[in-house]
């Protein structure tokens, strides 16, 4: 295994505290999801949704490039839901992927292939319910 990059951040105060990355790019308050937000505050679910969407978009671009598929661009919107059942709290994810300039079957195939190579998809596989929605545009 070859390590390519390590990101580090510190959280103080949990869901009603502050997060800061070691490079200072992330330096913000966090608050409970659905609670009255502190100005500029985020929550872990938003951060995870942003990270997963960005990572999945890169995986999609990799597949599109490897297969030399002509597109007019793409976007990935991540939805991370905090759930609770009798066993406790857990998250679920929906990724809405729009690929411009391809037909629906191609969009669905590219999204599924990206799901197989995306590091976030690999990390959540078998543990987090991830729903993929592909849309040709």
C-alpha atoms as a PDB file:
ATOM      1  CA  UNK A   1       0.000   0.000   0.000  1.00  0.00           C
ATOM      2  CA  UNK A   2       1.202   3.484  -0.860  1.00  0.00           C
ATOM      3  CA  UNK A   3      -0.181   6.366   1.212  1.00  0.00           C
ATOM      4  CA  UNK A   4      -1.017   9.349  -0.984  1.00  0.00           C
ATOM      5  CA  UNK A   5      -2.453  11.876   1.447  1.00  0.00           C
ATOM      6  CA  UNK A   6      -3.576  12.183   5.051  1.00  0.00           C
ATOM      7  CA  UNK A   7      -6.120  14.784   6.119  1.00  0.00           C
ATOM      8  CA  UNK A   8      -6.350  15.697   9.779  1.00  0.00           C
ATOM      9  CA  UNK A   9      -8.894  17.703  11.723  1.00  0.00           C
ATOM     10  CA  UNK A  10      -9.703  18.195  15.366  1.00  0.00           C
ATOM     11  CA  UNK A  11     -13.198  18.455  16.832  1.00  0.00           C
ATOM     12  CA  UNK A  12     -13.766  20.096  20.200  1.00  0.00           C
ATOM     13  CA  UNK A  13     -17.181  19.893  21.852  1.00  0.00           C
ATOM     14  CA  UNK A  14     -18.757  17.262  19.605  1.00  0.00           C
ATOM     15  CA  UNK A  15     -21.834  18.279  17.639  1.00  0.00           C
ATOM     16  CA  UNK A  16     -22.072  21.609  19.403  1.00  0.00           C
ATOM     17  CA  UNK A  17     -18.463  22.665  19.179  1.00  0.00           C
ATOM     18  CA  UNK A  18     -15.806  23.512  16.643  1.00  0.00           C
ATOM     19  CA  UNK A  19     -13.833  21.689  13.939  1.00  0.00           C
ATOM     20  CA  UNK A  20     -10.523  22.735  12.482  1.00  0.00           C
ATOM     21  CA  UNK A  21      -8.273  21.068   9.943  1.00  0.00           C
ATOM     22  CA  UNK A  22      -4.542  21.126  10.570  1.00  0.00           C
ATOM     23  CA  UNK A  23      -4.045  23.381   7.530  1.00  0.00           C
ATOM     24  CA  UNK A  24      -6.778  25.789   8.696  1.00  0.00           C
ATOM     25  CA  UNK A  25      -8.915  25.425   5.568  1.00  0.00           C
ATOM     26  CA  UNK A  26     -11.751  24.050   7.691  1.00  0.00           C
ATOM     27  CA  UNK A  27     -12.210  26.219  10.765  1.00  0.00           C
ATOM     28  CA  UNK A  28     -15.850  26.382  11.753  1.00  0.00           C
ATOM     29  CA  UNK A  29     -18.469  25.847  14.384  1.00  0.00           C
ATOM     30  CA  UNK A  30     -20.649  22.759  14.330  1.00  0.00           C
ATOM     31  CA  UNK A  31     -24.196  22.428  15.579  1.00  0.00           C
ATOM     32  CA  UNK A  32     -26.813  19.725  15.899  1.00  0.00           C
ATOM     33  CA  UNK A  33     -28.610  18.902  12.648  1.00  0.00           C
ATOM     34  CA  UNK A  34     -31.996  20.586  12.586  1.00  0.00           C
ATOM     35  CA  UNK A  35     -31.151  22.799  15.534  1.00  0.00           C
ATOM     36  CA  UNK A  36     -31.127  26.543  15.260  1.00  0.00           C
ATOM     37  CA  UNK A  37     -27.752  26.999  13.608  1.00  0.00           C
ATOM     38  CA  UNK A  38     -25.028  29.221  14.887  1.00  0.00           C
ATOM     39  CA  UNK A  39     -23.929  31.580  12.105  1.00  0.00           C
ATOM     40  CA  UNK A  40     -21.545  29.727   9.827  1.00  0.00           C
ATOM     41  CA  UNK A  41     -22.013  26.404  11.627  1.00  0.00           C
ATOM     42  CA  UNK A  42     -22.132  23.090   9.841  1.00  0.00           C
ATOM     43  CA  UNK A  43     -22.680  19.527  11.048  1.00  0.00           C
ATOM     44  CA  UNK A  44     -20.932  16.205  10.482  1.00  0.00           C
ATOM     45  CA  UNK A  45     -23.567  15.083   7.985  1.00  0.00           C
ATOM     46  CA  UNK A  46     -22.990  18.149   5.775  1.00  0.00           C
ATOM     47  CA  UNK A  47     -19.243  17.606   5.877  1.00  0.00           C
ATOM     48  CA  UNK A  48     -19.646  13.929   4.976  1.00  0.00           C
ATOM     49  CA  UNK A  49     -22.097  14.765   2.165  1.00  0.00           C
ATOM     50  CA  UNK A  50     -19.654  17.281   0.691  1.00  0.00           C
ATOM     51  CA  UNK A  51     -16.700  14.912   0.953  1.00  0.00           C
ATOM     52  CA  UNK A  52     -18.541  11.944  -0.516  1.00  0.00           C
ATOM     53  CA  UNK A  53     -19.981  14.015  -3.389  1.00  0.00           C
ATOM     54  CA  UNK A  54     -16.554  15.407  -4.282  1.00  0.00           C
ATOM     55  CA  UNK A  55     -14.848  12.014  -4.067  1.00  0.00           C
ATOM     56  CA  UNK A  56     -17.578  10.336  -6.117  1.00  0.00           C
ATOM     57  CA  UNK A  57     -17.333  13.091  -8.732  1.00  0.00           C
ATOM     58  CA  UNK A  58     -13.621  12.390  -9.093  1.00  0.00           C
ATOM     59  CA  UNK A  59     -14.260   8.649  -9.421  1.00  0.00           C
ATOM     60  CA  UNK A  60     -16.869   9.393 -12.085  1.00  0.00           C
ATOM     61  CA  UNK A  61     -14.427  11.618 -13.975  1.00  0.00           C
ATOM     62  CA  UNK A  62     -11.846   8.821 -13.823  1.00  0.00           C
ATOM     63  CA  UNK A  63     -14.286   6.325 -15.364  1.00  0.00           C
ATOM     64  CA  UNK A  64     -15.457   8.812 -18.003  1.00  0.00           C
ATOM     65  CA  UNK A  65     -11.839   9.466 -18.960  1.00  0.00           C
ATOM     66  CA  UNK A  66     -10.818   5.796 -19.016  1.00  0.00           C
ATOM     67  CA  UNK A  67     -13.742   4.949 -21.257  1.00  0.00           C
ATOM     68  CA  UNK A  68     -13.352   8.076 -23.411  1.00  0.00           C
ATOM     69  CA  UNK A  69     -17.024   8.928 -22.994  1.00  0.00           C
ATOM     70  CA  UNK A  70     -17.965  12.350 -24.318  1.00  0.00           C
ATOM     71  CA  UNK A  71     -20.019  14.337 -21.801  1.00  0.00           C
ATOM     72  CA  UNK A  72     -20.956  17.959 -21.264  1.00  0.00           C
ATOM     73  CA  UNK A  73     -20.097  17.793 -17.559  1.00  0.00           C
ATOM     74  CA  UNK A  74     -21.508  16.218 -14.448  1.00  0.00           C
ATOM     75  CA  UNK A  75     -22.558  17.025 -10.899  1.00  0.00           C
ATOM     76  CA  UNK A  76     -22.973  14.965  -7.750  1.00  0.00           C
ATOM     77  CA  UNK A  77     -25.262  15.981  -4.902  1.00  0.00           C
ATOM     78  CA  UNK A  78     -24.791  14.063  -1.682  1.00  0.00           C
ATOM     79  CA  UNK A  79     -27.582  13.656   0.858  1.00  0.00           C
ATOM     80  CA  UNK A  80     -26.541  12.218   4.226  1.00  0.00           C
ATOM     81  CA  UNK A  81     -29.334  11.381   6.639  1.00  0.00           C
ATOM     82  CA  UNK A  82     -28.898  10.830  10.348  1.00  0.00           C
ATOM     83  CA  UNK A  83     -31.255   8.025  11.398  1.00  0.00           C
ATOM     84  CA  UNK A  84     -32.168   6.371  14.678  1.00  0.00           C
ATOM     85  CA  UNK A  85     -33.612   2.964  15.462  1.00  0.00           C
ATOM     86  CA  UNK A  86     -33.748   0.722  18.546  1.00  0.00           C
ATOM     87  CA  UNK A  87     -30.029  -0.028  18.189  1.00  0.00           C
ATOM     88  CA  UNK A  88     -28.930   3.622  18.067  1.00  0.00           C
ATOM     89  CA  UNK A  89     -27.908   6.194  15.483  1.00  0.00           C
ATOM     90  CA  UNK A  90     -26.713   5.528  11.939  1.00  0.00           C
ATOM     91  CA  UNK A  91     -26.402   7.341   8.628  1.00  0.00           C
ATOM     92  CA  UNK A  92     -27.685   6.646   5.156  1.00  0.00           C
ATOM     93  CA  UNK A  93     -26.581   8.262   1.915  1.00  0.00           C
ATOM     94  CA  UNK A  94     -28.149   9.178  -1.394  1.00  0.00           C
ATOM     95  CA  UNK A  95     -26.017  10.373  -4.269  1.00  0.00           C
ATOM     96  CA  UNK A  96     -27.824  12.155  -7.085  1.00  0.00           C
ATOM     97  CA  UNK A  97     -25.564  12.118 -10.123  1.00  0.00           C
ATOM     98  CA  UNK A  98     -26.339  14.113 -13.246  1.00  0.00           C
ATOM     99  CA  UNK A  99     -24.302  13.535 -16.388  1.00  0.00           C
ATOM    100  CA  UNK A 100     -24.888  15.877 -19.297  1.00  0.00           C
ATOM    101  CA  UNK A 101     -24.616  14.737 -22.895  1.00  0.00           C
ATOM    102  CA  UNK A 102     -25.223  10.996 -22.416  1.00  0.00           C
ATOM    103  CA  UNK A 103     -28.280   8.744 -22.548  1.00  0.00           C
ATOM    104  CA  UNK A 104     -29.875   7.295 -19.404  1.00  0.00           C
ATOM    105  CA  UNK A 105     -28.373   3.817 -19.814  1.00  0.00           C
ATOM    106  CA  UNK A 106     -24.879   5.276 -20.150  1.00  0.00           C
ATOM    107  CA  UNK A 107     -25.413   7.512 -17.117  1.00  0.00           C
ATOM    108  CA  UNK A 108     -26.519   4.539 -15.009  1.00  0.00           C
ATOM    109  CA  UNK A 109     -23.562   2.413 -16.136  1.00  0.00           C
ATOM    110  CA  UNK A 110     -21.021   5.169 -15.456  1.00  0.00           C
ATOM    111  CA  UNK A 111     -22.473   5.828 -11.992  1.00  0.00           C
ATOM    112  CA  UNK A 112     -22.346   2.142 -11.064  1.00  0.00           C
ATOM    113  CA  UNK A 113     -18.746   1.865 -12.283  1.00  0.00           C
ATOM    114  CA  UNK A 114     -17.774   4.980 -10.315  1.00  0.00           C
ATOM    115  CA  UNK A 115     -19.387   3.426  -7.227  1.00  0.00           C
ATOM    116  CA  UNK A 116     -17.015   0.458  -7.560  1.00  0.00           C
ATOM    117  CA  UNK A 117     -13.853   2.629  -7.541  1.00  0.00           C
ATOM    118  CA  UNK A 118     -14.788   5.573  -5.272  1.00  0.00           C
ATOM    119  CA  UNK A 119     -12.863   5.346  -1.959  1.00  0.00           C
ATOM    120  CA  UNK A 120     -15.897   6.610   0.006  1.00  0.00           C
ATOM    121  CA  UNK A 121     -18.096   3.979  -1.649  1.00  0.00           C
ATOM    122  CA  UNK A 122     -15.570   1.306  -0.761  1.00  0.00           C
ATOM    123  CA  UNK A 123     -15.414   2.551   2.841  1.00  0.00           C
ATOM    124  CA  UNK A 124     -19.190   2.528   3.294  1.00  0.00           C
ATOM    125  CA  UNK A 125     -19.957  -0.678   1.358  1.00  0.00           C
ATOM    126  CA  UNK A 126     -21.714  -3.221   3.547  1.00  0.00           C
ATOM    127  CA  UNK A 127     -22.117  -0.782   6.421  1.00  0.00           C
ATOM    128  CA  UNK A 128     -24.024   2.250   5.137  1.00  0.00           C
ATOM    129  CA  UNK A 129     -27.087   2.178   2.909  1.00  0.00           C
ATOM    130  CA  UNK A 130     -26.064   4.118  -0.225  1.00  0.00           C
ATOM    131  CA  UNK A 131     -28.692   4.854  -2.848  1.00  0.00           C
ATOM    132  CA  UNK A 132     -27.484   5.955  -6.276  1.00  0.00           C
ATOM    133  CA  UNK A 133     -29.654   7.994  -8.607  1.00  0.00           C
ATOM    134  CA  UNK A 134     -28.281   8.564 -12.097  1.00  0.00           C
ATOM    135  CA  UNK A 135     -29.802  11.164 -14.388  1.00  0.00           C
ATOM    136  CA  UNK A 136     -28.880  11.811 -17.999  1.00  0.00           C
ATOM    137  CA  UNK A 137     -29.267  15.419 -18.993  1.00  0.00           C
END
